[in-house]
């Protein structure tokens, strides 16, 4: 039934997106070009509304049973209202953050909370009252991470789809029917929208879509992996490696350059790849490939031994640092690992 619902959500999004596109122009939910953005003409935003309505259709048809369903629906509605208002009125960062905090508070109150973290050797770290701020930080962090990578046609929708595919596969492996149902519903809705959003895009998802997908992915990943053995939170962190890494290095970059965290720039992952000479479409496909690698690594991590997990983390950290230095994600002159490798190479040649 989940696969039928996935197809239904896909068709719903395909049919709804052109309607939302017309609505966006009518109510002024458009995105104008500026020096920080890649597109060169006025584009309709609000595409996330099609994803949201398709998701509601999926929930209505499949009717997955869970005590978390109502809080998730209420929280997602708050996020959608915040996103729609921002797409039309350009809300201040503080107002957007308030909407995210309120949505997160609703699902936390409804029971979506990291209460403990599983550690090696059959031990647990009980978080107690610290579970609430950690869960809040996770939801808001992932919500904004998806929003930050929404800078090229099809990028956020495609990366979200890959993450949702990973979530769905791992939910099947772990026997989590509710998370599998949510994954299928969101995946079908996002893929249907992606047809209109892939380069050259006919519509943007806007903050309506980016905040909604980020919120739903953050909550779904918590429900799917908070009880998994061995470093519970590491699995979703790996799975969301692309948006988390991009956000993390954006914070480092702004700290190094002494700029406010909320200050926009053109040095995100996709901007760096474009500067290297990759086309719009190739840049998006490269980031898709990166997301797929992280997804595969997350699945391997959840099934391997302790030393296997350490090996996977070590390799991923090495590849992340290497990529960051090669493309200049922090700064063009930030290349400690590459300089070290070059120094060793020169020593070997001299000997």
C-alpha atoms as a PDB file:
ATOM      1  CA  UNK A   1       0.000   0.000   0.000  1.00  0.00           C
ATOM      2  CA  UNK A   2       2.926   2.341   0.727  1.00  0.00           C
ATOM      3  CA  UNK A   3       4.192   2.065  -2.848  1.00  0.00           C
ATOM      4  CA  UNK A   4       0.721   2.837  -4.237  1.00  0.00           C
ATOM      5  CA  UNK A   5       0.550   5.879  -1.963  1.00  0.00           C
ATOM      6  CA  UNK A   6       4.016   6.972  -3.137  1.00  0.00           C
ATOM      7  CA  UNK A   7       2.735   6.907  -6.724  1.00  0.00           C
ATOM      8  CA  UNK A   8      -0.443   8.768  -5.724  1.00  0.00           C
ATOM      9  CA  UNK A   9       1.600  11.498  -3.982  1.00  0.00           C
ATOM     10  CA  UNK A  10       3.846  11.753  -7.035  1.00  0.00           C
ATOM     11  CA  UNK A  11       0.847  12.229  -9.374  1.00  0.00           C
ATOM     12  CA  UNK A  12      -0.759  14.694  -6.943  1.00  0.00           C
ATOM     13  CA  UNK A  13       2.391  16.844  -6.873  1.00  0.00           C
ATOM     14  CA  UNK A  14       2.639  16.734 -10.674  1.00  0.00           C
ATOM     15  CA  UNK A  15      -0.952  17.976 -10.980  1.00  0.00           C
ATOM     16  CA  UNK A  16      -0.783  20.517  -8.158  1.00  0.00           C
ATOM     17  CA  UNK A  17       2.527  22.223  -8.983  1.00  0.00           C
ATOM     18  CA  UNK A  18       1.270  24.106 -12.109  1.00  0.00           C
ATOM     19  CA  UNK A  19      -1.723  25.335 -10.076  1.00  0.00           C
ATOM     20  CA  UNK A  20       0.568  26.543  -7.279  1.00  0.00           C
ATOM     21  CA  UNK A  21       2.765  28.237  -9.894  1.00  0.00           C
ATOM     22  CA  UNK A  22      -0.187  30.340 -11.091  1.00  0.00           C
ATOM     23  CA  UNK A  23      -1.152  31.099  -7.491  1.00  0.00           C
ATOM     24  CA  UNK A  24       2.389  32.268  -6.696  1.00  0.00           C
ATOM     25  CA  UNK A  25       2.281  34.883  -9.466  1.00  0.00           C
ATOM     26  CA  UNK A  26      -1.184  36.057  -8.386  1.00  0.00           C
ATOM     27  CA  UNK A  27      -0.269  36.622  -4.720  1.00  0.00           C
ATOM     28  CA  UNK A  28       3.214  37.981  -5.395  1.00  0.00           C
ATOM     29  CA  UNK A  29       5.182  34.999  -4.071  1.00  0.00           C
ATOM     30  CA  UNK A  30       8.038  35.527  -6.528  1.00  0.00           C
ATOM     31  CA  UNK A  31      11.819  35.529  -6.342  1.00  0.00           C
ATOM     32  CA  UNK A  32      13.592  38.440  -8.018  1.00  0.00           C
ATOM     33  CA  UNK A  33      17.192  38.145  -9.272  1.00  0.00           C
ATOM     34  CA  UNK A  34      19.985  39.720  -7.219  1.00  0.00           C
ATOM     35  CA  UNK A  35      23.813  39.442  -7.138  1.00  0.00           C
ATOM     36  CA  UNK A  36      23.678  36.636  -4.550  1.00  0.00           C
ATOM     37  CA  UNK A  37      21.342  34.419  -6.610  1.00  0.00           C
ATOM     38  CA  UNK A  38      21.971  32.306  -9.701  1.00  0.00           C
ATOM     39  CA  UNK A  39      18.695  32.803 -11.599  1.00  0.00           C
ATOM     40  CA  UNK A  40      18.367  35.776 -13.994  1.00  0.00           C
ATOM     41  CA  UNK A  41      14.583  36.288 -14.156  1.00  0.00           C
ATOM     42  CA  UNK A  42      11.597  36.588 -11.830  1.00  0.00           C
ATOM     43  CA  UNK A  43      10.587  33.108 -10.672  1.00  0.00           C
ATOM     44  CA  UNK A  44       7.492  31.881  -8.808  1.00  0.00           C
ATOM     45  CA  UNK A  45       8.171  30.577  -5.303  1.00  0.00           C
ATOM     46  CA  UNK A  46       5.711  28.708  -3.078  1.00  0.00           C
ATOM     47  CA  UNK A  47       6.313  25.329  -4.803  1.00  0.00           C
ATOM     48  CA  UNK A  48       6.555  23.697  -1.398  1.00  0.00           C
ATOM     49  CA  UNK A  49       2.804  24.163  -1.058  1.00  0.00           C
ATOM     50  CA  UNK A  50       2.309  21.473  -3.736  1.00  0.00           C
ATOM     51  CA  UNK A  51       4.623  19.134  -1.794  1.00  0.00           C
ATOM     52  CA  UNK A  52       2.698  19.837   1.417  1.00  0.00           C
ATOM     53  CA  UNK A  53      -0.782  19.271  -0.055  1.00  0.00           C
ATOM     54  CA  UNK A  54       0.409  16.064  -1.750  1.00  0.00           C
ATOM     55  CA  UNK A  55       1.798  14.920   1.597  1.00  0.00           C
ATOM     56  CA  UNK A  56      -1.557  15.562   3.280  1.00  0.00           C
ATOM     57  CA  UNK A  57      -3.266  13.515   0.554  1.00  0.00           C
ATOM     58  CA  UNK A  58      -0.810  10.689   1.230  1.00  0.00           C
ATOM     59  CA  UNK A  59      -1.508  10.752   4.973  1.00  0.00           C
ATOM     60  CA  UNK A  60      -5.276  10.825   4.332  1.00  0.00           C
ATOM     61  CA  UNK A  61      -5.091   7.785   2.044  1.00  0.00           C
ATOM     62  CA  UNK A  62      -2.540   5.674   3.918  1.00  0.00           C
ATOM     63  CA  UNK A  63      -3.607   6.728   7.447  1.00  0.00           C
ATOM     64  CA  UNK A  64      -0.445   5.482   9.210  1.00  0.00           C
ATOM     65  CA  UNK A  65      -0.994   4.837  12.907  1.00  0.00           C
ATOM     66  CA  UNK A  66       1.268   6.557  15.404  1.00  0.00           C
ATOM     67  CA  UNK A  67       0.863   8.706  18.525  1.00  0.00           C
ATOM     68  CA  UNK A  68       3.252  11.148  16.852  1.00  0.00           C
ATOM     69  CA  UNK A  69       1.064  11.745  13.772  1.00  0.00           C
ATOM     70  CA  UNK A  70      -1.110  14.596  15.111  1.00  0.00           C
ATOM     71  CA  UNK A  71       1.824  16.564  16.626  1.00  0.00           C
ATOM     72  CA  UNK A  72       3.745  16.159  13.350  1.00  0.00           C
ATOM     73  CA  UNK A  73       0.776  17.423  11.321  1.00  0.00           C
ATOM     74  CA  UNK A  74       0.303  20.419  13.630  1.00  0.00           C
ATOM     75  CA  UNK A  75       4.035  21.214  13.593  1.00  0.00           C
ATOM     76  CA  UNK A  76       4.211  20.931   9.809  1.00  0.00           C
ATOM     77  CA  UNK A  77       1.215  23.275   9.458  1.00  0.00           C
ATOM     78  CA  UNK A  78       3.024  25.887  11.572  1.00  0.00           C
ATOM     79  CA  UNK A  79       6.104  25.482   9.359  1.00  0.00           C
ATOM     80  CA  UNK A  80       4.023  25.838   6.186  1.00  0.00           C
ATOM     81  CA  UNK A  81       2.346  29.015   7.467  1.00  0.00           C
ATOM     82  CA  UNK A  82       5.802  30.411   8.307  1.00  0.00           C
ATOM     83  CA  UNK A  83       7.156  29.462   4.870  1.00  0.00           C
ATOM     84  CA  UNK A  84       4.207  30.846   2.917  1.00  0.00           C
ATOM     85  CA  UNK A  85       4.358  34.123   4.862  1.00  0.00           C
ATOM     86  CA  UNK A  86       8.083  34.387   4.150  1.00  0.00           C
ATOM     87  CA  UNK A  87       7.657  33.653   0.431  1.00  0.00           C
ATOM     88  CA  UNK A  88       5.117  36.465   0.194  1.00  0.00           C
ATOM     89  CA  UNK A  89       6.263  39.003   2.802  1.00  0.00           C
ATOM     90  CA  UNK A  90       9.989  38.250   3.349  1.00  0.00           C
ATOM     91  CA  UNK A  91       9.880  37.707   7.105  1.00  0.00           C
ATOM     92  CA  UNK A  92      12.768  38.677   9.362  1.00  0.00           C
ATOM     93  CA  UNK A  93      15.108  35.861  10.531  1.00  0.00           C
ATOM     94  CA  UNK A  94      13.761  36.222  14.094  1.00  0.00           C
ATOM     95  CA  UNK A  95      10.142  35.680  13.011  1.00  0.00           C
ATOM     96  CA  UNK A  96      11.119  32.641  10.921  1.00  0.00           C
ATOM     97  CA  UNK A  97      13.073  31.215  13.836  1.00  0.00           C
ATOM     98  CA  UNK A  98      10.067  31.731  16.120  1.00  0.00           C
ATOM     99  CA  UNK A  99       7.915  29.684  13.723  1.00  0.00           C
ATOM    100  CA  UNK A 100      10.513  26.893  13.697  1.00  0.00           C
ATOM    101  CA  UNK A 101      10.834  26.863  17.485  1.00  0.00           C
ATOM    102  CA  UNK A 102       7.040  26.719  17.859  1.00  0.00           C
ATOM    103  CA  UNK A 103       6.759  23.819  15.379  1.00  0.00           C
ATOM    104  CA  UNK A 104       9.591  21.942  17.078  1.00  0.00           C
ATOM    105  CA  UNK A 105       8.016  22.537  20.507  1.00  0.00           C
ATOM    106  CA  UNK A 106       4.738  20.979  19.321  1.00  0.00           C
ATOM    107  CA  UNK A 107       6.375  17.714  18.176  1.00  0.00           C
ATOM    108  CA  UNK A 108       8.595  17.566  21.273  1.00  0.00           C
ATOM    109  CA  UNK A 109       5.506  18.010  23.455  1.00  0.00           C
ATOM    110  CA  UNK A 110       3.937  15.194  21.409  1.00  0.00           C
ATOM    111  CA  UNK A 111       6.728  12.815  22.398  1.00  0.00           C
ATOM    112  CA  UNK A 112       9.312  13.186  19.620  1.00  0.00           C
ATOM    113  CA  UNK A 113      12.413  13.495  21.790  1.00  0.00           C
ATOM    114  CA  UNK A 114      15.892  11.998  22.033  1.00  0.00           C
ATOM    115  CA  UNK A 115      15.842  10.598  25.569  1.00  0.00           C
ATOM    116  CA  UNK A 116      19.080   8.616  25.432  1.00  0.00           C
ATOM    117  CA  UNK A 117      22.009   7.855  23.157  1.00  0.00           C
ATOM    118  CA  UNK A 118      23.201   4.281  22.686  1.00  0.00           C
ATOM    119  CA  UNK A 119      26.940   3.894  23.115  1.00  0.00           C
ATOM    120  CA  UNK A 120      29.307   0.974  22.435  1.00  0.00           C
ATOM    121  CA  UNK A 121      29.589  -2.003  24.804  1.00  0.00           C
ATOM    122  CA  UNK A 122      25.842  -2.061  25.544  1.00  0.00           C
ATOM    123  CA  UNK A 123      25.831   1.207  27.469  1.00  0.00           C
ATOM    124  CA  UNK A 124      23.447   4.144  27.322  1.00  0.00           C
ATOM    125  CA  UNK A 125      23.780   7.848  27.979  1.00  0.00           C
ATOM    126  CA  UNK A 126      20.497   9.069  29.481  1.00  0.00           C
ATOM    127  CA  UNK A 127      20.024  12.707  28.530  1.00  0.00           C
ATOM    128  CA  UNK A 128      17.344  13.620  31.062  1.00  0.00           C
ATOM    129  CA  UNK A 129      16.265  17.255  30.718  1.00  0.00           C
ATOM    130  CA  UNK A 130      19.011  17.833  28.134  1.00  0.00           C
ATOM    131  CA  UNK A 131      17.043  15.692  25.665  1.00  0.00           C
ATOM    132  CA  UNK A 132      14.614  18.541  24.965  1.00  0.00           C
ATOM    133  CA  UNK A 133      17.188  21.207  23.932  1.00  0.00           C
ATOM    134  CA  UNK A 134      19.128  18.589  21.937  1.00  0.00           C
ATOM    135  CA  UNK A 135      15.975  17.596  20.047  1.00  0.00           C
ATOM    136  CA  UNK A 136      15.067  21.262  19.511  1.00  0.00           C
ATOM    137  CA  UNK A 137      18.575  21.982  18.195  1.00  0.00           C
ATOM    138  CA  UNK A 138      18.412  18.996  15.836  1.00  0.00           C
ATOM    139  CA  UNK A 139      15.022  19.940  14.348  1.00  0.00           C
ATOM    140  CA  UNK A 140      15.896  23.619  13.866  1.00  0.00           C
ATOM    141  CA  UNK A 141      19.400  22.791  12.607  1.00  0.00           C
ATOM    142  CA  UNK A 142      18.273  20.317   9.939  1.00  0.00           C
ATOM    143  CA  UNK A 143      15.338  22.544   8.933  1.00  0.00           C
ATOM    144  CA  UNK A 144      17.745  25.397   8.208  1.00  0.00           C
ATOM    145  CA  UNK A 145      20.379  23.120   6.651  1.00  0.00           C
ATOM    146  CA  UNK A 146      17.934  22.048   3.928  1.00  0.00           C
ATOM    147  CA  UNK A 147      16.958  25.697   3.480  1.00  0.00           C
ATOM    148  CA  UNK A 148      20.603  26.737   3.028  1.00  0.00           C
ATOM    149  CA  UNK A 149      21.297  24.281   0.196  1.00  0.00           C
ATOM    150  CA  UNK A 150      18.240  25.475  -1.738  1.00  0.00           C
ATOM    151  CA  UNK A 151      20.375  27.574  -4.094  1.00  0.00           C
ATOM    152  CA  UNK A 152      20.186  25.806  -7.462  1.00  0.00           C
ATOM    153  CA  UNK A 153      17.382  24.322  -9.542  1.00  0.00           C
ATOM    154  CA  UNK A 154      16.437  20.921  -8.155  1.00  0.00           C
ATOM    155  CA  UNK A 155      19.170  20.880  -5.508  1.00  0.00           C
ATOM    156  CA  UNK A 156      17.193  20.852  -2.239  1.00  0.00           C
ATOM    157  CA  UNK A 157      14.415  18.680  -3.699  1.00  0.00           C
ATOM    158  CA  UNK A 158      16.899  16.165  -5.110  1.00  0.00           C
ATOM    159  CA  UNK A 159      19.061  15.953  -1.979  1.00  0.00           C
ATOM    160  CA  UNK A 160      15.900  15.624   0.144  1.00  0.00           C
ATOM    161  CA  UNK A 161      14.669  12.814  -2.119  1.00  0.00           C
ATOM    162  CA  UNK A 162      17.948  10.910  -1.701  1.00  0.00           C
ATOM    163  CA  UNK A 163      17.763  11.346   2.080  1.00  0.00           C
ATOM    164  CA  UNK A 164      14.130  10.191   2.089  1.00  0.00           C
ATOM    165  CA  UNK A 165      15.053   7.122   0.012  1.00  0.00           C
ATOM    166  CA  UNK A 166      17.735   6.284   2.564  1.00  0.00           C
ATOM    167  CA  UNK A 167      15.282   6.793   5.438  1.00  0.00           C
ATOM    168  CA  UNK A 168      12.707   4.536   3.756  1.00  0.00           C
ATOM    169  CA  UNK A 169      15.186   1.713   3.059  1.00  0.00           C
ATOM    170  CA  UNK A 170      16.521   1.807   6.619  1.00  0.00           C
ATOM    171  CA  UNK A 171      12.973   1.902   7.999  1.00  0.00           C
ATOM    172  CA  UNK A 172      12.230  -1.329   6.124  1.00  0.00           C
ATOM    173  CA  UNK A 173      15.414  -2.919   7.495  1.00  0.00           C
ATOM    174  CA  UNK A 174      14.511  -1.862  11.058  1.00  0.00           C
ATOM    175  CA  UNK A 175      10.821  -2.766  10.713  1.00  0.00           C
ATOM    176  CA  UNK A 176       9.607   0.781  11.401  1.00  0.00           C
ATOM    177  CA  UNK A 177       6.313   0.927   9.497  1.00  0.00           C
ATOM    178  CA  UNK A 178       5.361   4.499  10.426  1.00  0.00           C
ATOM    179  CA  UNK A 179       8.703   5.958   9.325  1.00  0.00           C
ATOM    180  CA  UNK A 180       8.547   3.897   6.122  1.00  0.00           C
ATOM    181  CA  UNK A 181       5.058   5.280   5.430  1.00  0.00           C
ATOM    182  CA  UNK A 182       6.219   8.852   6.077  1.00  0.00           C
ATOM    183  CA  UNK A 183       9.275   8.324   3.875  1.00  0.00           C
ATOM    184  CA  UNK A 184       7.184   7.044   0.964  1.00  0.00           C
ATOM    185  CA  UNK A 185       4.630   9.864   1.247  1.00  0.00           C
ATOM    186  CA  UNK A 186       7.289  12.588   1.357  1.00  0.00           C
ATOM    187  CA  UNK A 187       9.409  10.958  -1.355  1.00  0.00           C
ATOM    188  CA  UNK A 188       6.517  10.699  -3.818  1.00  0.00           C
ATOM    189  CA  UNK A 189       5.465  14.300  -3.170  1.00  0.00           C
ATOM    190  CA  UNK A 190       9.007  15.651  -3.558  1.00  0.00           C
ATOM    191  CA  UNK A 191       9.776  13.706  -6.739  1.00  0.00           C
ATOM    192  CA  UNK A 192       6.548  14.942  -8.342  1.00  0.00           C
ATOM    193  CA  UNK A 193       7.581  18.535  -7.631  1.00  0.00           C
ATOM    194  CA  UNK A 194      11.154  17.881  -8.810  1.00  0.00           C
ATOM    195  CA  UNK A 195       9.896  17.401 -12.386  1.00  0.00           C
ATOM    196  CA  UNK A 196       9.123  21.139 -12.464  1.00  0.00           C
ATOM    197  CA  UNK A 197      12.077  22.181 -10.303  1.00  0.00           C
ATOM    198  CA  UNK A 198      15.007  20.467 -12.047  1.00  0.00           C
ATOM    199  CA  UNK A 199      17.147  22.712 -14.262  1.00  0.00           C
ATOM    200  CA  UNK A 200      15.825  24.754 -15.961  1.00  0.00           C
ATOM    201  CA  UNK A 201      13.289  25.216 -13.153  1.00  0.00           C
ATOM    202  CA  UNK A 202       9.760  26.410 -13.833  1.00  0.00           C
ATOM    203  CA  UNK A 203       9.094  27.071 -10.132  1.00  0.00           C
ATOM    204  CA  UNK A 204      11.068  27.270  -6.860  1.00  0.00           C
ATOM    205  CA  UNK A 205      10.007  25.465  -3.702  1.00  0.00           C
ATOM    206  CA  UNK A 206      10.735  28.648  -1.714  1.00  0.00           C
ATOM    207  CA  UNK A 207      10.977  28.688   2.058  1.00  0.00           C
ATOM    208  CA  UNK A 208       7.583  26.966   2.054  1.00  0.00           C
ATOM    209  CA  UNK A 209       9.167  23.835   0.636  1.00  0.00           C
ATOM    210  CA  UNK A 210      12.679  24.055   2.091  1.00  0.00           C
ATOM    211  CA  UNK A 211      11.471  24.606   5.666  1.00  0.00           C
ATOM    212  CA  UNK A 212       8.766  21.934   5.322  1.00  0.00           C
ATOM    213  CA  UNK A 213      11.138  19.288   3.920  1.00  0.00           C
ATOM    214  CA  UNK A 214      13.825  20.167   6.460  1.00  0.00           C
ATOM    215  CA  UNK A 215      11.337  19.935   9.317  1.00  0.00           C
ATOM    216  CA  UNK A 216       9.826  16.634   8.152  1.00  0.00           C
ATOM    217  CA  UNK A 217      13.235  15.069   7.468  1.00  0.00           C
ATOM    218  CA  UNK A 218      14.515  16.114  10.900  1.00  0.00           C
ATOM    219  CA  UNK A 219      11.492  14.596  12.655  1.00  0.00           C
ATOM    220  CA  UNK A 220      11.455  11.453  10.494  1.00  0.00           C
ATOM    221  CA  UNK A 221      15.151  10.814  11.112  1.00  0.00           C
ATOM    222  CA  UNK A 222      14.632  11.151  14.872  1.00  0.00           C
ATOM    223  CA  UNK A 223      11.762   8.663  14.830  1.00  0.00           C
ATOM    224  CA  UNK A 224      13.674   6.264  12.621  1.00  0.00           C
ATOM    225  CA  UNK A 225      17.012   6.180  14.367  1.00  0.00           C
ATOM    226  CA  UNK A 226      16.730   7.329  17.977  1.00  0.00           C
ATOM    227  CA  UNK A 227      16.651   3.732  19.242  1.00  0.00           C
ATOM    228  CA  UNK A 228      19.160   2.178  16.861  1.00  0.00           C
ATOM    229  CA  UNK A 229      22.237   0.571  18.405  1.00  0.00           C
ATOM    230  CA  UNK A 230      25.686   2.204  18.358  1.00  0.00           C
ATOM    231  CA  UNK A 231      25.892   5.987  18.465  1.00  0.00           C
ATOM    232  CA  UNK A 232      22.200   6.623  17.811  1.00  0.00           C
ATOM    233  CA  UNK A 233      22.473  10.106  16.362  1.00  0.00           C
ATOM    234  CA  UNK A 234      25.470   9.344  14.128  1.00  0.00           C
ATOM    235  CA  UNK A 235      23.345   7.530  11.515  1.00  0.00           C
ATOM    236  CA  UNK A 236      21.079  10.497  10.623  1.00  0.00           C
ATOM    237  CA  UNK A 237      24.088  12.844  10.838  1.00  0.00           C
ATOM    238  CA  UNK A 238      25.879  10.782   8.166  1.00  0.00           C
ATOM    239  CA  UNK A 239      22.712  10.445   6.117  1.00  0.00           C
ATOM    240  CA  UNK A 240      22.320  14.247   6.099  1.00  0.00           C
ATOM    241  CA  UNK A 241      26.040  14.767   5.494  1.00  0.00           C
ATOM    242  CA  UNK A 242      25.718  17.213   2.582  1.00  0.00           C
ATOM    243  CA  UNK A 243      23.391  19.818   4.171  1.00  0.00           C
ATOM    244  CA  UNK A 244      25.032  19.446   7.599  1.00  0.00           C
ATOM    245  CA  UNK A 245      28.570  19.855   6.183  1.00  0.00           C
ATOM    246  CA  UNK A 246      27.548  22.854   4.079  1.00  0.00           C
ATOM    247  CA  UNK A 247      25.930  24.511   7.095  1.00  0.00           C
ATOM    248  CA  UNK A 248      28.849  23.691   9.407  1.00  0.00           C
ATOM    249  CA  UNK A 249      31.452  25.176   7.062  1.00  0.00           C
ATOM    250  CA  UNK A 250      29.228  28.197   6.395  1.00  0.00           C
ATOM    251  CA  UNK A 251      29.352  28.894  10.149  1.00  0.00           C
ATOM    252  CA  UNK A 252      33.159  28.400  10.182  1.00  0.00           C
ATOM    253  CA  UNK A 253      33.535  30.641   7.117  1.00  0.00           C
ATOM    254  CA  UNK A 254      31.521  33.456   8.658  1.00  0.00           C
ATOM    255  CA  UNK A 255      33.402  33.134  11.942  1.00  0.00           C
ATOM    256  CA  UNK A 256      36.770  33.296  10.132  1.00  0.00           C
ATOM    257  CA  UNK A 257      35.634  36.301   8.087  1.00  0.00           C
ATOM    258  CA  UNK A 258      34.094  37.938  11.192  1.00  0.00           C
ATOM    259  CA  UNK A 259      30.616  38.135   9.674  1.00  0.00           C
ATOM    260  CA  UNK A 260      27.232  37.544  11.372  1.00  0.00           C
ATOM    261  CA  UNK A 261      25.904  33.969  11.151  1.00  0.00           C
ATOM    262  CA  UNK A 262      22.813  35.253   9.342  1.00  0.00           C
ATOM    263  CA  UNK A 263      24.875  37.085   6.699  1.00  0.00           C
ATOM    264  CA  UNK A 264      24.262  35.615   3.204  1.00  0.00           C
ATOM    265  CA  UNK A 265      27.176  34.814   0.905  1.00  0.00           C
ATOM    266  CA  UNK A 266      28.034  33.073  -2.362  1.00  0.00           C
ATOM    267  CA  UNK A 267      30.460  30.518  -0.934  1.00  0.00           C
ATOM    268  CA  UNK A 268      28.195  27.543  -0.301  1.00  0.00           C
ATOM    269  CA  UNK A 269      29.001  24.155  -1.783  1.00  0.00           C
ATOM    270  CA  UNK A 270      27.082  24.774  -5.002  1.00  0.00           C
ATOM    271  CA  UNK A 271      28.639  28.234  -5.444  1.00  0.00           C
ATOM    272  CA  UNK A 272      32.151  26.773  -5.086  1.00  0.00           C
ATOM    273  CA  UNK A 273      31.467  24.066  -7.684  1.00  0.00           C
ATOM    274  CA  UNK A 274      30.067  26.641 -10.110  1.00  0.00           C
ATOM    275  CA  UNK A 275      33.216  28.758  -9.673  1.00  0.00           C
ATOM    276  CA  UNK A 276      35.328  25.722 -10.560  1.00  0.00           C
ATOM    277  CA  UNK A 277      33.661  25.734 -13.973  1.00  0.00           C
ATOM    278  CA  UNK A 278      30.978  23.066 -13.577  1.00  0.00           C
ATOM    279  CA  UNK A 279      27.666  23.779 -15.267  1.00  0.00           C
ATOM    280  CA  UNK A 280      24.462  24.311 -13.298  1.00  0.00           C
ATOM    281  CA  UNK A 281      23.227  20.799 -14.074  1.00  0.00           C
ATOM    282  CA  UNK A 282      26.584  19.075 -13.429  1.00  0.00           C
ATOM    283  CA  UNK A 283      26.920  20.873 -10.094  1.00  0.00           C
ATOM    284  CA  UNK A 284      23.535  19.570  -8.983  1.00  0.00           C
ATOM    285  CA  UNK A 285      24.354  16.030 -10.142  1.00  0.00           C
ATOM    286  CA  UNK A 286      27.714  16.095  -8.315  1.00  0.00           C
ATOM    287  CA  UNK A 287      25.948  17.058  -5.083  1.00  0.00           C
ATOM    288  CA  UNK A 288      23.356  14.331  -5.706  1.00  0.00           C
ATOM    289  CA  UNK A 289      26.256  11.846  -5.965  1.00  0.00           C
ATOM    290  CA  UNK A 290      27.712  13.175  -2.701  1.00  0.00           C
ATOM    291  CA  UNK A 291      24.333  12.704  -0.993  1.00  0.00           C
ATOM    292  CA  UNK A 292      24.071   9.148  -2.321  1.00  0.00           C
ATOM    293  CA  UNK A 293      27.544   8.349  -0.943  1.00  0.00           C
ATOM    294  CA  UNK A 294      26.550   9.657   2.479  1.00  0.00           C
ATOM    295  CA  UNK A 295      23.307   7.656   2.310  1.00  0.00           C
ATOM    296  CA  UNK A 296      25.166   4.434   1.477  1.00  0.00           C
ATOM    297  CA  UNK A 297      27.686   5.162   4.264  1.00  0.00           C
ATOM    298  CA  UNK A 298      24.825   5.647   6.756  1.00  0.00           C
ATOM    299  CA  UNK A 299      23.358   2.251   5.861  1.00  0.00           C
ATOM    300  CA  UNK A 300      26.764   0.552   6.152  1.00  0.00           C
ATOM    301  CA  UNK A 301      27.409   2.297   9.469  1.00  0.00           C
ATOM    302  CA  UNK A 302      24.146   0.994  10.935  1.00  0.00           C
ATOM    303  CA  UNK A 303      25.013  -2.603  10.030  1.00  0.00           C
ATOM    304  CA  UNK A 304      28.751  -2.842  10.723  1.00  0.00           C
ATOM    305  CA  UNK A 305      30.905  -3.521  13.791  1.00  0.00           C
ATOM    306  CA  UNK A 306      32.446  -0.930  16.120  1.00  0.00           C
ATOM    307  CA  UNK A 307      35.761  -0.894  14.234  1.00  0.00           C
ATOM    308  CA  UNK A 308      33.913  -0.843  10.929  1.00  0.00           C
ATOM    309  CA  UNK A 309      32.025   2.235  12.125  1.00  0.00           C
ATOM    310  CA  UNK A 310      35.266   3.931  13.162  1.00  0.00           C
ATOM    311  CA  UNK A 311      36.729   3.192   9.718  1.00  0.00           C
ATOM    312  CA  UNK A 312      33.656   4.636   7.927  1.00  0.00           C
ATOM    313  CA  UNK A 313      33.714   7.818  10.026  1.00  0.00           C
ATOM    314  CA  UNK A 314      37.461   8.252   9.459  1.00  0.00           C
ATOM    315  CA  UNK A 315      37.130   7.867   5.674  1.00  0.00           C
ATOM    316  CA  UNK A 316      34.166  10.265   5.544  1.00  0.00           C
ATOM    317  CA  UNK A 317      35.948  12.929   7.593  1.00  0.00           C
ATOM    318  CA  UNK A 318      39.019  12.622   5.357  1.00  0.00           C
ATOM    319  CA  UNK A 319      36.904  12.966   2.182  1.00  0.00           C
ATOM    320  CA  UNK A 320      34.962  15.926   3.612  1.00  0.00           C
ATOM    321  CA  UNK A 321      38.130  17.798   4.570  1.00  0.00           C
ATOM    322  CA  UNK A 322      39.739  17.021   1.204  1.00  0.00           C
ATOM    323  CA  UNK A 323      36.674  18.263  -0.685  1.00  0.00           C
ATOM    324  CA  UNK A 324      36.427  21.412   1.466  1.00  0.00           C
ATOM    325  CA  UNK A 325      40.052  22.319   0.728  1.00  0.00           C
ATOM    326  CA  UNK A 326      39.903  21.475  -2.979  1.00  0.00           C
ATOM    327  CA  UNK A 327      36.841  23.623  -3.696  1.00  0.00           C
ATOM    328  CA  UNK A 328      37.601  26.418  -1.194  1.00  0.00           C
ATOM    329  CA  UNK A 329      34.497  25.999   0.950  1.00  0.00           C
ATOM    330  CA  UNK A 330      36.060  27.822   3.925  1.00  0.00           C
ATOM    331  CA  UNK A 331      38.583  30.018   2.123  1.00  0.00           C
ATOM    332  CA  UNK A 332      40.740  29.800  -0.996  1.00  0.00           C
ATOM    333  CA  UNK A 333      43.875  29.730   1.189  1.00  0.00           C
ATOM    334  CA  UNK A 334      42.569  27.149   3.670  1.00  0.00           C
ATOM    335  CA  UNK A 335      44.433  23.980   2.585  1.00  0.00           C
ATOM    336  CA  UNK A 336      46.231  22.404   5.580  1.00  0.00           C
ATOM    337  CA  UNK A 337      45.720  18.785   4.487  1.00  0.00           C
ATOM    338  CA  UNK A 338      46.650  19.432   0.848  1.00  0.00           C
ATOM    339  CA  UNK A 339      49.776  21.305   1.938  1.00  0.00           C
ATOM    340  CA  UNK A 340      50.716  18.421   4.260  1.00  0.00           C
ATOM    341  CA  UNK A 341      50.209  15.858   1.472  1.00  0.00           C
ATOM    342  CA  UNK A 342      52.244  18.004  -0.920  1.00  0.00           C
ATOM    343  CA  UNK A 343      55.043  18.357   1.653  1.00  0.00           C
ATOM    344  CA  UNK A 344      55.224  14.574   2.172  1.00  0.00           C
ATOM    345  CA  UNK A 345      55.188  14.041  -1.595  1.00  0.00           C
ATOM    346  CA  UNK A 346      58.108  16.472  -2.040  1.00  0.00           C
ATOM    347  CA  UNK A 347      60.090  14.756   0.718  1.00  0.00           C
ATOM    348  CA  UNK A 348      59.622  11.381  -0.971  1.00  0.00           C
ATOM    349  CA  UNK A 349      60.703  12.786  -4.339  1.00  0.00           C
ATOM    350  CA  UNK A 350      63.808  14.368  -2.771  1.00  0.00           C
ATOM    351  CA  UNK A 351      64.811  11.078  -1.174  1.00  0.00           C
END
